[in-house]
Amino acid sequence: MSKRSHTQLQSTIDPDDHPIHKSRSPPFRRSVTLDDIGEFEDAWEDEIEEEHVAQNPTNDPDRMQVDDGEEEDSIETIVEDDEDETHSRHPETDTFIPGRHLLEKDEILEPDDSVYEIRHSMQVKWPSLSFDVLRDNLGDQRQRYPATAYIVAGTQAPSAKDNELSVYKMSALHKTQNDGGDSDSDDEDDADALDEDPLLEFRSVPHFGGVNRVRAQPLPPSTPLPPVSHPYYVSTWAETGKVHIWDVRPLIESLDTPGFTHEKNRTNSPVFTITSHARAEGFAMDWASSGDSNPSALRLLTGDVHSKIYLTTTGQAGFNALPQPFTTHTSSVEDLQWSPSEPPVFASCSADQSVQIWDVRIRGKRSAAGIDRAHGSDVNVISWNKLTPYLLLSGGDEGQIKAWDLRNIKKKGSAGSDPTPVASFDWHRAPVTSIEWHPTEDSIFAASGADDQVTLWDLAVEQDDDETIDGAGGPNEQAIPPQLLFVHQGQKDVKEVHWHPQIPGAVISTALDGFNIFKTISV
């Protein structure tokens, strides 16, 4: 899979924020096209208001106000029918399904805000290939609005010297105004759904070379951030072939503390640089810890395009990059995941089409078990279920998503064929670029693809024998898997998706045209 960089363009275009909803009873949509004189009108013949230009009233170069107004060319209105109503197949009311339906020349999509609890889009100067969610001290299981979220991301700028590592603070995330017509909502909920723009503030440090992947030091659930004197480590895989480790705590403090002058405290240099990969570029990277916030118990795995995996540990003397690599893969290592239940064990996937399981205690640095042909092409991403640790997800270059029961994987040297996945989905029409289990629901996961879709799934959903899948009547039509809960669209070249661990159900994604953060009503 070609994942090395975004298109080298400055992201200055307005994002086409056009998510599509899929619930267990798919909504119907009423589309509206250009009228005879070329003006955009909706189904009730009201003109669509032009989107306001984002303003920066504070004149702070690190603070921007993001306008969530609709695109002036958003012309499709989405409405839900009664479940008992007979569903017609008229184009003006047909559910738009990616990969099956095509937009006509004068048609585009509009989001159905009645299915979102929150939905916000945020543009940045340069696109980010990767990001990670930072834990904060605002509490777990947050349900109140406006919400706030912190992320760390690296840029993909045209020039190596223009790249940065940035900490973003997304605030004033109000509930989305929707047309659901729920008259039972109380006054408090209505007050949360203010028609105000979110704020995106950030602090950055220079980062030479584009950032292929970013991963933050793991902190245990329900554990507050360590004291200010403690570091908060973030690692970056640079396109230069080096892995840098940074302390982003000063950047967070600069965003949160009035009067904090981050210019004097910004950490312009990494605290440690891993050079074990001999300038070979890479993407795979994952942190592990002993289950507490002690920075001396951290371990970091990094994998490169030359099939090598290296382990870096921490101790009283600081970081230590171990010299001997793990060497079973025969092609680029695409993703790495530590086991959530066995500290010495980790998994990897590769362009050699395999998924391997390793134990760092085994001499010779060879994998202990594996699925030699997990996919028919490159295996791009994996995710290890933290609640049911024998389940592993994988996403391939051919667009397939597979769920594996690791109890069925054969050990190296034993007879037998590769196991059969416990579930397999062919929904995405292009390479799967990211996949992640829900942090608190062991059957739900999110995925993204190069087909510009972010999809939400639930393996616990089974199709009723009497259920009719919408639109699956023709021999060439793609059936909607009953496990597919939601399809979010509108971003271009989606690269990575993560659940927010402290805001239940909230999803953040990065793409060529910036970040989306959304939470659906159905998940």
Protein backbone atom coordinates (compact mmCIF):
# COMPACT_ATOMS: atom_id res chain seq x y z
CA MET A 1 0.00 0.00 0.00
CA SER A 2 1.30 3.46 -0.83
CA LYS A 3 0.90 5.29 2.48
CA ARG A 4 4.07 7.34 2.55
CA SER A 5 2.57 10.79 2.32
CA HIS A 6 -0.46 12.85 1.64
CA THR A 7 -0.69 14.67 -1.64
CA GLN A 8 1.79 17.47 -1.22
CA LEU A 9 -0.72 20.30 -1.32
CA GLN A 10 -1.55 22.96 1.21
CA SER A 11 -4.94 22.21 2.74
CA THR A 12 -6.71 25.50 2.10
CA ILE A 13 -9.90 24.21 0.53
CA ASP A 14 -13.14 24.03 2.48
CA PRO A 15 -13.90 20.42 3.49
CA ASP A 16 -16.89 18.75 1.88
CA ASP A 17 -18.45 17.69 5.13
CA HIS A 18 -20.88 15.09 3.83
CA PRO A 19 -21.23 12.13 6.24
CA ILE A 20 -23.73 9.45 5.38
CA HIS A 21 -25.69 7.56 8.02
CA LYS A 22 -26.38 3.84 8.08
CA SER A 23 -28.38 2.49 10.99
CA ARG A 24 -30.16 -0.81 11.39
CA SER A 25 -33.03 0.86 9.51
CA PRO A 26 -31.27 2.95 6.86
CA PRO A 27 -32.72 6.45 6.44
CA PHE A 28 -34.04 7.60 3.09
CA ARG A 29 -32.79 10.75 1.42
CA ARG A 30 -34.52 13.31 -0.73
CA SER A 31 -32.07 14.86 -3.16
CA VAL A 32 -32.34 18.26 -4.81
CA THR A 33 -30.41 19.26 -7.90
CA LEU A 34 -29.52 22.52 -9.59
CA ASP A 35 -32.54 24.46 -10.75
CA ASP A 36 -32.87 25.88 -14.23
CA ILE A 37 -31.06 29.12 -13.42
CA GLY A 38 -28.21 27.48 -11.58
CA GLU A 39 -29.12 28.44 -8.00
CA PHE A 40 -28.99 25.92 -5.17
CA GLU A 41 -32.32 25.31 -3.49
CA ASP A 42 -33.48 22.80 -0.91
CA ALA A 43 -36.57 20.62 -0.89
CA TRP A 44 -38.67 23.44 0.54
CA GLU A 45 -37.39 26.01 -1.99
CA ASP A 46 -35.34 27.91 0.59
CA GLU A 47 -31.98 29.13 -0.55
CA ILE A 48 -29.00 27.59 1.19
CA GLU A 49 -27.09 30.27 3.11
CA GLU A 50 -23.47 30.79 2.13
CA GLU A 51 -20.93 29.47 4.61
CA HIS A 52 -19.20 32.14 6.70
CA VAL A 53 -15.45 32.48 6.35
CA ALA A 54 -13.57 31.30 9.44
CA GLN A 55 -12.41 34.26 11.49
CA ASN A 56 -9.48 34.76 13.88
CA PRO A 57 -10.78 37.52 16.17
CA THR A 58 -7.96 37.09 18.69
CA ASN A 59 -5.21 37.74 16.11
CA ASP A 60 -3.36 34.86 17.76
CA PRO A 61 -1.51 32.85 15.07
CA ASP A 62 -1.99 29.70 17.18
CA ARG A 63 -5.74 30.18 17.65
CA MET A 64 -8.40 29.95 14.99
CA GLN A 65 -12.17 29.99 15.00
CA VAL A 66 -13.72 27.27 12.92
CA ASP A 67 -17.04 27.84 11.19
CA ASP A 68 -19.33 24.84 11.00
CA GLY A 69 -21.71 26.43 8.51
CA GLU A 70 -22.91 24.22 5.68
CA GLU A 71 -21.25 24.34 2.29
CA GLU A 72 -23.14 26.60 -0.10
CA ASP A 73 -23.14 23.77 -2.61
CA SER A 74 -24.65 21.22 -0.22
CA ILE A 75 -27.86 20.37 -1.97
CA GLU A 76 -29.10 16.99 -0.79
CA THR A 77 -31.56 16.80 2.07
CA ILE A 78 -31.72 13.54 4.00
CA VAL A 79 -34.94 12.45 5.69
CA GLU A 80 -36.05 9.33 7.53
CA ASP A 81 -39.16 7.36 6.68
CA ASP A 82 -41.30 5.26 8.97
CA GLU A 83 -39.92 1.75 9.39
CA ASP A 84 -43.29 0.36 8.28
CA GLU A 85 -43.45 2.44 5.11
CA THR A 86 -42.95 0.65 1.81
CA HIS A 87 -39.54 1.76 0.50
CA SER A 88 -39.59 2.89 -3.08
CA ARG A 89 -36.58 2.86 -5.35
CA HIS A 90 -37.00 6.34 -6.77
CA PRO A 91 -33.66 8.11 -7.20
CA GLU A 92 -34.84 11.17 -5.31
CA THR A 93 -35.48 9.13 -2.15
CA ASP A 94 -32.98 6.29 -2.47
CA THR A 95 -30.38 5.84 0.28
CA PHE A 96 -26.97 6.86 -1.01
CA ILE A 97 -24.64 3.91 -0.52
CA PRO A 98 -20.92 4.36 -1.31
CA GLY A 99 -19.66 1.95 -3.95
CA ARG A 100 -23.16 1.25 -5.22
CA HIS A 101 -24.66 4.64 -6.02
CA LEU A 102 -23.12 7.43 -8.04
CA LEU A 103 -23.97 11.09 -7.84
CA GLU A 104 -25.38 12.67 -10.95
CA LYS A 105 -23.62 15.58 -12.58
CA ASP A 106 -25.48 18.24 -10.57
CA GLU A 107 -25.78 16.34 -7.28
CA ILE A 108 -23.68 16.40 -4.14
CA LEU A 109 -24.31 15.22 -0.59
CA GLU A 110 -25.37 17.02 2.55
CA PRO A 111 -24.94 15.71 6.10
CA ASP A 112 -27.98 14.48 7.97
CA ASP A 113 -27.43 16.20 11.32
CA SER A 114 -30.40 14.42 12.87
CA VAL A 115 -28.18 11.34 13.30
CA TYR A 116 -25.27 13.18 14.95
CA GLU A 117 -24.89 14.25 18.54
CA ILE A 118 -21.83 16.30 17.59
CA ARG A 119 -20.20 16.91 14.21
CA HIS A 120 -17.43 19.43 13.63
CA SER A 121 -14.81 19.96 10.91
CA MET A 122 -11.50 21.73 11.46
CA GLN A 123 -8.96 22.81 8.89
CA VAL A 124 -5.24 23.12 9.55
CA LYS A 125 -2.34 24.65 7.62
CA TRP A 126 -0.80 21.34 6.55
CA PRO A 127 -2.51 17.94 6.43
CA SER A 128 -1.63 15.25 8.98
CA LEU A 129 -0.97 11.66 8.03
CA SER A 130 -1.28 10.56 11.67
CA PHE A 131 -2.44 11.78 15.08
CA ASP A 132 -3.17 10.46 18.55
CA VAL A 133 -5.59 11.45 21.30
CA LEU A 134 -4.03 12.93 24.45
CA ARG A 135 -5.56 12.14 27.83
CA ASP A 136 -6.59 15.12 29.94
CA ASN A 137 -7.79 15.95 33.45
CA LEU A 138 -11.36 16.84 32.44
CA GLY A 139 -12.73 13.47 33.55
CA ASP A 140 -13.79 10.16 32.03
CA GLN A 141 -17.20 9.22 30.61
CA ARG A 142 -17.91 12.86 29.74
CA GLN A 143 -21.43 13.50 28.47
CA ARG A 144 -21.87 17.25 28.93
CA TYR A 145 -21.36 19.93 26.30
CA PRO A 146 -19.59 21.93 25.13
CA ALA A 147 -16.83 19.32 25.00
CA THR A 148 -13.05 19.72 24.79
CA ALA A 149 -10.50 17.34 23.27
CA TYR A 150 -6.70 17.34 22.95
CA ILE A 151 -4.77 15.62 20.17
CA VAL A 152 -1.17 15.54 18.95
CA ALA A 153 -0.40 15.42 15.23
CA GLY A 154 2.47 15.75 12.79
CA THR A 155 2.38 17.52 9.46
CA GLN A 156 3.02 16.59 5.84
CA ALA A 157 4.35 19.86 4.42
CA PRO A 158 5.88 20.11 0.91
CA SER A 159 9.27 21.11 2.34
CA ALA A 160 10.99 19.02 5.03
CA LYS A 161 11.94 22.12 7.03
CA ASP A 162 8.33 23.37 7.23
CA ASN A 163 6.99 20.39 9.17
CA GLU A 164 5.84 20.58 12.79
CA LEU A 165 4.66 18.48 15.69
CA SER A 166 1.55 20.15 17.11
CA VAL A 167 -0.68 19.77 20.15
CA TYR A 168 -4.25 20.85 19.32
CA LYS A 169 -6.96 21.85 21.76
CA MET A 170 -10.45 21.47 20.28
CA SER A 171 -12.87 23.40 22.48
CA ALA A 172 -16.41 24.85 22.37
CA LEU A 173 -17.61 21.58 20.80
CA HIS A 174 -21.35 22.15 21.17
CA LYS A 175 -24.03 19.63 20.33
CA THR A 176 -24.87 19.69 16.66
CA GLN A 177 -27.97 21.57 15.55
CA ASN A 178 -30.15 18.95 13.92
CA ASP A 179 -33.51 18.65 12.26
CA GLY A 180 -34.62 15.58 14.15
CA GLY A 181 -37.65 17.39 15.53
CA ASP A 182 -37.37 15.85 18.98
CA SER A 183 -39.80 17.87 21.03
CA ASP A 184 -39.09 15.79 24.14
CA SER A 185 -35.57 17.18 24.57
CA ASP A 186 -35.23 19.21 27.75
CA ASP A 187 -34.06 22.80 28.03
CA GLU A 188 -30.58 21.76 29.17
CA ASP A 189 -30.04 19.69 26.01
CA ASP A 190 -31.28 22.57 23.88
CA ALA A 191 -28.84 24.92 25.61
CA ASP A 192 -25.99 22.55 24.77
CA ALA A 193 -26.86 22.70 21.06
CA LEU A 194 -25.82 26.30 20.57
CA ASP A 195 -25.12 27.39 17.01
CA GLU A 196 -21.57 28.46 17.80
CA ASP A 197 -18.28 27.73 16.13
CA PRO A 198 -15.70 25.48 17.80
CA LEU A 199 -12.23 26.77 18.57
CA LEU A 200 -8.99 25.12 17.48
CA GLU A 201 -5.90 26.27 19.38
CA PHE A 202 -2.45 24.77 18.97
CA ARG A 203 1.18 24.93 20.00
CA SER A 204 3.92 23.51 17.79
CA VAL A 205 7.59 22.56 17.68
CA PRO A 206 9.68 22.24 14.50
CA HIS A 207 9.98 18.71 13.09
CA PHE A 208 12.43 18.16 10.23
CA GLY A 209 10.79 15.86 7.70
CA GLY A 210 7.20 14.76 7.28
CA VAL A 211 5.63 12.79 10.13
CA ASN A 212 4.54 9.30 9.06
CA ARG A 213 3.04 8.31 12.39
CA VAL A 214 2.48 9.78 15.86
CA ARG A 215 1.84 7.83 19.04
CA ALA A 216 1.40 9.17 22.59
CA GLN A 217 2.63 7.56 25.79
CA PRO A 218 -0.23 5.38 27.12
CA LEU A 219 -1.84 6.43 30.37
CA PRO A 220 -4.12 4.04 32.26
CA PRO A 221 -7.89 4.75 32.17
CA SER A 222 -9.26 6.94 34.98
CA THR A 223 -5.72 8.06 35.83
CA PRO A 224 -5.12 11.83 35.87
CA LEU A 225 -2.18 13.33 34.07
CA PRO A 226 1.04 13.17 36.10
CA PRO A 227 2.17 16.35 37.84
CA VAL A 228 3.49 19.18 35.67
CA SER A 229 7.05 18.17 36.54
CA HIS A 230 6.51 14.79 34.83
CA PRO A 231 6.99 14.41 31.06
CA TYR A 232 4.24 13.35 28.66
CA TYR A 233 6.07 11.50 25.87
CA VAL A 234 5.05 11.39 22.21
CA SER A 235 6.97 9.51 19.50
CA THR A 236 7.13 10.41 15.80
CA TRP A 237 8.21 8.31 12.82
CA ALA A 238 9.93 10.80 10.50
CA GLU A 239 10.28 10.32 6.76
CA THR A 240 14.02 10.84 7.34
CA GLY A 241 14.23 7.33 8.81
CA LYS A 242 14.53 8.48 12.42
CA VAL A 243 12.15 8.02 15.36
CA HIS A 244 12.01 10.98 17.74
CA ILE A 245 10.65 11.06 21.29
CA TRP A 246 9.30 14.39 22.56
CA ASP A 247 7.97 15.77 25.81
CA VAL A 248 4.77 17.63 24.85
CA ARG A 249 3.84 18.57 28.41
CA PRO A 250 5.04 22.20 27.98
CA LEU A 251 2.81 22.54 24.90
CA ILE A 252 -0.24 21.35 26.84
CA GLU A 253 0.54 23.71 29.70
CA SER A 254 0.90 26.57 27.26
CA LEU A 255 -2.63 25.93 25.99
CA ASP A 256 -4.16 25.60 29.46
CA THR A 257 -2.30 28.04 31.68
CA PRO A 258 -3.02 31.78 31.39
CA GLY A 259 0.18 33.73 31.09
CA PHE A 260 2.27 30.67 30.23
CA THR A 261 4.77 31.86 27.64
CA HIS A 262 5.29 28.83 25.49
CA GLU A 263 7.90 30.54 23.34
CA LYS A 264 10.34 30.25 26.28
CA ASN A 265 9.30 26.73 27.24
CA ARG A 266 8.61 24.96 23.97
CA THR A 267 10.70 21.85 23.55
CA ASN A 268 12.30 22.48 20.18
CA SER A 269 14.43 19.35 20.37
CA PRO A 270 13.44 15.73 21.01
CA VAL A 271 14.50 14.17 24.29
CA PHE A 272 15.74 11.07 22.44
CA THR A 273 16.20 9.93 18.82
CA ILE A 274 16.21 6.30 17.70
CA THR A 275 18.64 5.70 14.83
CA SER A 276 18.48 1.89 14.82
CA HIS A 277 16.67 1.77 11.46
CA ALA A 278 19.69 3.15 9.57
CA ARG A 279 17.61 5.81 7.80
CA ALA A 280 15.05 3.30 6.55
CA GLU A 281 11.63 4.93 6.55
CA GLY A 282 8.81 3.43 8.58
CA PHE A 283 5.21 3.70 9.77
CA ALA A 284 4.68 1.01 12.43
CA MET A 285 4.96 2.14 16.05
CA ASP A 286 3.33 1.36 19.41
CA TRP A 287 3.95 2.17 23.08
CA ALA A 288 3.44 -0.19 26.01
CA SER A 289 3.63 0.43 29.74
CA SER A 290 3.42 -1.49 32.99
CA GLY A 291 -0.07 -0.15 33.66
CA ASP A 292 0.84 3.01 35.56
CA SER A 293 2.09 6.48 34.63
CA ASN A 294 5.72 5.74 35.56
CA PRO A 295 7.82 6.93 32.58
CA SER A 296 10.63 4.53 33.52
CA ALA A 297 8.41 1.54 32.64
CA LEU A 298 7.77 2.44 29.00
CA ARG A 299 8.59 0.32 25.96
CA LEU A 300 8.37 1.43 22.33
CA LEU A 301 8.25 -0.76 19.23
CA THR A 302 9.14 0.63 15.79
CA GLY A 303 9.02 -1.14 12.40
CA ASP A 304 10.45 -0.03 9.06
CA VAL A 305 10.01 -0.64 5.34
CA HIS A 306 13.00 -3.03 5.33
CA SER A 307 11.05 -5.55 7.48
CA LYS A 308 12.95 -4.81 10.73
CA ILE A 309 11.32 -4.23 14.14
CA TYR A 310 13.27 -2.64 17.02
CA LEU A 311 12.49 -2.31 20.71
CA THR A 312 13.37 0.77 22.79
CA THR A 313 13.03 0.61 26.57
CA THR A 314 13.29 3.09 29.41
CA GLY A 315 15.05 2.85 32.73
CA GLN A 316 16.63 5.02 35.37
CA ALA A 317 19.25 6.15 32.85
CA GLY A 318 16.65 7.13 30.26
CA PHE A 319 15.87 5.62 26.87
CA ASN A 320 17.81 2.64 25.50
CA ALA A 321 17.43 1.46 21.89
CA LEU A 322 18.16 -2.28 21.75
CA PRO A 323 20.43 -3.17 18.80
CA GLN A 324 19.04 -6.56 17.71
CA PRO A 325 15.93 -6.43 15.48
CA PHE A 326 12.99 -8.81 15.24
CA THR A 327 13.25 -10.42 11.79
CA THR A 328 10.50 -12.71 10.51
CA HIS A 329 8.76 -10.40 8.05
CA THR A 330 10.00 -10.29 4.47
CA SER A 331 8.57 -6.91 3.50
CA SER A 332 7.60 -3.55 5.00
CA VAL A 333 6.23 -3.65 8.56
CA GLU A 334 2.99 -1.64 8.41
CA ASP A 335 1.61 -1.72 11.98
CA LEU A 336 2.46 -2.92 15.50
CA GLN A 337 0.31 -3.60 18.58
CA TRP A 338 1.31 -4.67 22.09
CA SER A 339 -0.84 -7.34 23.72
CA PRO A 340 -3.30 -5.80 26.21
CA SER A 341 -3.01 -8.81 28.55
CA GLU A 342 0.52 -10.26 28.15
CA PRO A 343 3.23 -7.57 28.54
CA PRO A 344 6.02 -9.42 26.63
CA VAL A 345 3.81 -10.19 23.60
CA PHE A 346 3.10 -8.05 20.55
CA ALA A 347 1.60 -8.41 17.06
CA SER A 348 2.72 -7.04 13.72
CA CYS A 349 1.42 -6.91 10.16
CA SER A 350 3.29 -6.47 6.92
CA ALA A 351 3.20 -5.94 3.18
CA ASP A 352 4.21 -9.63 3.01
CA GLN A 353 0.48 -10.32 3.66
CA SER A 354 1.05 -11.83 7.10
CA VAL A 355 0.21 -11.14 10.72
CA GLN A 356 2.83 -12.30 13.21
CA ILE A 357 2.75 -12.77 17.00
CA TRP A 358 5.98 -12.23 18.94
CA ASP A 359 7.34 -12.78 22.44
CA VAL A 360 10.28 -10.54 23.35
CA ARG A 361 11.62 -13.25 25.69
CA ILE A 362 12.26 -15.67 22.80
CA ARG A 363 15.88 -15.75 21.73
CA GLY A 364 16.67 -15.19 18.09
CA LYS A 365 14.02 -12.48 17.74
CA ARG A 366 11.75 -14.63 15.55
CA SER A 367 7.95 -14.65 15.75
CA ALA A 368 6.28 -17.29 17.91
CA ALA A 369 3.12 -17.73 15.82
CA GLY A 370 1.41 -16.16 12.86
CA ILE A 371 -1.05 -16.09 9.99
CA ASP A 372 1.15 -16.34 6.94
CA ARG A 373 -1.53 -15.28 4.47
CA ALA A 374 -3.92 -13.14 6.45
CA HIS A 375 -4.93 -11.08 3.40
CA GLY A 376 -4.56 -11.36 -0.35
CA SER A 377 -2.41 -8.20 -0.39
CA ASP A 378 -0.56 -5.92 2.02
CA VAL A 379 -1.88 -5.97 5.59
CA ASN A 380 -1.95 -2.28 6.45
CA VAL A 381 -3.33 -2.03 9.98
CA ILE A 382 -4.20 -4.13 13.03
CA SER A 383 -5.96 -3.52 16.35
CA TRP A 384 -5.84 -5.73 19.45
CA ASN A 385 -9.04 -5.85 21.51
CA LYS A 386 -8.28 -4.58 25.02
CA LEU A 387 -11.44 -6.09 26.55
CA THR A 388 -11.42 -9.47 24.78
CA PRO A 389 -7.69 -10.02 24.26
CA TYR A 390 -7.98 -13.04 21.96
CA LEU A 391 -9.60 -10.87 19.23
CA LEU A 392 -7.47 -9.05 16.66
CA LEU A 393 -8.64 -6.95 13.71
CA SER A 394 -6.74 -6.52 10.45
CA GLY A 395 -7.31 -4.30 7.42
CA GLY A 396 -5.82 -4.93 4.01
CA ASP A 397 -4.82 -3.15 0.84
CA GLU A 398 -7.64 -4.93 -1.00
CA GLY A 399 -10.20 -3.24 1.28
CA GLN A 400 -11.07 -6.25 3.43
CA ILE A 401 -11.52 -6.13 7.21
CA LYS A 402 -11.01 -9.37 9.13
CA ALA A 403 -11.46 -10.37 12.77
CA TRP A 404 -9.22 -13.16 14.09
CA ASP A 405 -9.45 -15.45 17.11
CA LEU A 406 -5.83 -15.66 18.25
CA ARG A 407 -6.53 -18.90 20.08
CA ASN A 408 -6.67 -20.55 16.64
CA ILE A 409 -3.36 -19.25 15.34
CA LYS A 410 -0.73 -21.91 14.79
CA LYS A 411 2.68 -21.79 16.43
CA LYS A 412 5.76 -21.60 14.26
CA GLY A 413 6.93 -25.03 13.15
CA SER A 414 3.58 -26.74 13.80
CA ALA A 415 1.57 -28.41 11.07
CA GLY A 416 -1.69 -27.04 9.81
CA SER A 417 -3.07 -24.27 7.66
CA ASP A 418 -3.87 -20.68 8.48
CA PRO A 419 -7.03 -20.18 10.56
CA THR A 420 -10.27 -18.83 9.13
CA PRO A 421 -11.27 -15.36 10.35
CA VAL A 422 -14.28 -15.26 12.65
CA ALA A 423 -15.63 -12.37 10.55
CA SER A 424 -14.70 -10.82 7.22
CA PHE A 425 -16.11 -7.73 5.50
CA ASP A 426 -15.64 -6.51 1.92
CA TRP A 427 -17.35 -3.14 2.30
CA HIS A 428 -14.49 -0.71 1.62
CA ARG A 429 -13.74 -0.19 -2.07
CA ALA A 430 -10.10 0.86 -1.50
CA PRO A 431 -7.28 0.12 0.98
CA VAL A 432 -8.15 0.17 4.67
CA THR A 433 -6.02 2.93 6.20
CA SER A 434 -6.89 2.67 9.91
CA ILE A 435 -8.78 0.43 12.31
CA GLU A 436 -9.44 0.58 16.05
CA TRP A 437 -11.58 -1.23 18.62
CA HIS A 438 -13.93 0.81 20.79
CA PRO A 439 -12.26 1.46 24.18
CA THR A 440 -15.21 0.22 26.29
CA GLU A 441 -17.35 -1.95 23.95
CA ASP A 442 -15.62 -5.16 22.92
CA SER A 443 -17.74 -5.78 19.79
CA ILE A 444 -17.60 -2.30 18.23
CA PHE A 445 -14.80 -0.89 16.07
CA ALA A 446 -14.10 1.98 13.68
CA ALA A 447 -12.26 1.84 10.36
CA SER A 448 -11.26 4.22 7.60
CA GLY A 449 -10.43 3.66 3.97
CA ALA A 450 -8.89 5.31 0.94
CA ASP A 451 -12.44 5.38 -0.45
CA ASP A 452 -13.07 8.43 1.80
CA GLN A 453 -15.23 6.53 4.28
CA VAL A 454 -15.10 6.26 8.07
CA THR A 455 -17.18 3.24 9.09
CA LEU A 456 -18.49 2.07 12.48
CA TRP A 457 -19.17 -1.64 13.05
CA ASP A 458 -20.69 -3.92 15.68
CA LEU A 459 -19.81 -7.62 15.49
CA ALA A 460 -22.60 -8.43 17.95
CA VAL A 461 -25.29 -7.52 15.40
CA GLU A 462 -26.76 -10.43 13.48
CA GLN A 463 -29.09 -10.25 10.52
CA ASP A 464 -32.65 -11.29 11.21
CA ASP A 465 -33.81 -14.03 8.86
CA ASP A 466 -36.83 -11.91 8.00
CA GLU A 467 -34.84 -8.70 7.54
CA THR A 468 -34.57 -7.25 4.07
CA ILE A 469 -31.33 -5.46 3.35
CA ASP A 470 -32.03 -2.21 1.54
CA GLY A 471 -30.83 -2.09 -2.02
CA ALA A 472 -29.52 -5.65 -2.23
CA GLY A 473 -31.96 -6.80 -4.85
CA GLY A 474 -29.75 -6.73 -7.95
CA PRO A 475 -27.06 -9.29 -8.74
CA ASN A 476 -24.40 -6.57 -9.01
CA GLU A 477 -25.42 -4.62 -5.93
CA GLN A 478 -23.36 -4.73 -2.76
CA ALA A 479 -25.35 -5.93 0.26
CA ILE A 480 -25.10 -3.84 3.41
CA PRO A 481 -23.63 -5.99 6.20
CA PRO A 482 -25.92 -5.92 9.24
CA GLN A 483 -22.83 -5.24 11.38
CA LEU A 484 -22.25 -1.92 9.59
CA LEU A 485 -23.77 0.71 11.87
CA PHE A 486 -22.69 3.99 10.35
CA VAL A 487 -20.86 5.50 7.38
CA HIS A 488 -19.34 8.97 7.80
CA GLN A 489 -18.20 10.75 4.64
CA GLY A 490 -17.10 14.15 3.43
CA GLN A 491 -13.35 14.04 4.04
CA LYS A 492 -10.81 13.55 1.27
CA ASP A 493 -8.05 10.92 1.60
CA VAL A 494 -8.87 9.72 5.13
CA LYS A 495 -5.73 8.40 6.82
CA GLU A 496 -6.39 7.64 10.48
CA VAL A 497 -9.27 7.32 12.94
CA HIS A 498 -9.35 7.08 16.76
CA TRP A 499 -12.02 6.84 19.45
CA HIS A 500 -11.75 9.43 22.20
CA PRO A 501 -11.22 7.34 25.38
CA GLN A 502 -12.81 9.91 27.70
CA ILE A 503 -15.80 11.02 25.58
CA PRO A 504 -17.86 7.85 25.00
CA GLY A 505 -18.66 7.28 21.34
CA ALA A 506 -16.69 10.27 20.02
CA VAL A 507 -14.60 9.60 16.90
CA ILE A 508 -11.81 11.76 15.48
CA SER A 509 -10.39 11.34 11.97
CA THR A 510 -7.66 13.03 9.95
CA ALA A 511 -7.59 13.54 6.20
CA LEU A 512 -6.12 15.74 3.50
CA ASP A 513 -8.62 18.50 4.33
CA GLY A 514 -8.24 18.51 8.11
CA PHE A 515 -9.84 16.89 11.15
CA ASN A 516 -13.39 15.72 11.85
CA ILE A 517 -14.77 14.98 15.30
CA PHE A 518 -18.20 13.42 15.52
CA LYS A 519 -20.45 11.35 17.72
CA THR A 520 -23.46 9.53 16.37
CA ILE A 521 -26.77 9.01 18.09
CA SER A 522 -26.77 5.28 17.26
CA VAL A 523 -23.35 4.33 18.72
